[in-house]
């Protein structure tokens, strides 16, 4: 079922002359969607042998849901549309709140069950937020116009339920060749969808990293929450400038406040292949003198930023003091917790630029077309701003697959493209 209502305020009330149109709207809808087929049984999938696909069939190791029901979405919206000064400015504002229930989600189960996962059909997630579009026409003349469109989106979500007695579930993890987990993504009840977990620094009460007696980083014994994949807000800006038949248009968009684990950077730092690892490698790069266990004098020492613990006679921690222990520079990078590379993934991209020309009616008189336009287009040109250091791609973690959101490793570089577009009408 669904219901909606609208009120054309400008047709009902006397408003200031600057307001061309003002309308309010409200809507509510409840939608149910069938789940994918074959979820109720234990099915088979095409297998592979030695990396090559073959006729082998492998049983899917998923326990089917006990009571599969259609997923359901309940959504309510309030909106406003405002037009000002003869169409020279406009604002469209939407407030929304939705709850998705009976969502399908996979959760790991003990291997003693004979399966790896169980599918639940009971998850609930709530979303609420604001969408706003500001439309401006600073210039509007017969041969010359300039239009601006600014879009803003703010969304807040929360995992309300997974299943009875289940408070968290793993969505995906990165464990390169071992059972040791470098990063994991989880859905946690009471938290925004997509909590990132890594092993982290141990911090003093003042929030400073603590080092061990040998000067190495002190780390948590298990993975702990260190970030979330949800952005604070999205922003988009479109400009279109037209002079006679010539048109220039460009689009910028960005995402701000989202976090992700950058495995490529983590791995490169541990191997000493990231430029950030250069300081301290020798005396010329600021390395400190120290003596290794074999008695050799070296000049590749560093002091890790943080504090060391102060102990009393019983071995209890009674305070902290600045770290002054020199360790080899490799310890700075190979020994750091993986949480060090859970970074802000904010970016603002120059997404598209196009220059086009549309022939006028007079120019088309001797051509067999009703319309003809030619455009040069460039996409993904560069980042106006990126919170990531170096030249890492901030969009490498964008994926529709849950297990790939918020965890990057070995992603391909971004692709810049150029093209020509021709539009013909008969």
Foldseek 3Di string as FASTA:
>chain_A
DKDKDKDFVVVPDDDDPFWPTKMKMKMKDKDWADDDPPLQDFDWDFDADPPHTDNDIHIAQEAGEPDQDTKMKIKMKIWMWTAGDVNQKIKIKMWMKMKIFQCWDWAADDCVVVGGIYIGRGWMKMKTWMKMKIKGWPDDDDFKTKIKIKIKIFMFMFTADDDVPDFKGWQAFDDPPDPQTQKTWMHGHGHTHTFIWWKAFDADPVGFGEAEPQQFTDIDPDIDGDFGQDFRMKMKMKMWIGGHFKIKIWIKIKTFRGWFQAAAVLVCLLVVNDVVLPAQQAVVRPFCWDADPVRDIGRRKDRAFGWYFDADPVGDGDDIDTTDRIDGSSSNRNVHISSVRGFILIFMFRAKIKIKGKDDPVVCPPPPFPIKMKMKMKGRPDTPDGRDPDQDDSCQQDDPRSNSHRYDDPGDDDDIDIDMDMDTHD
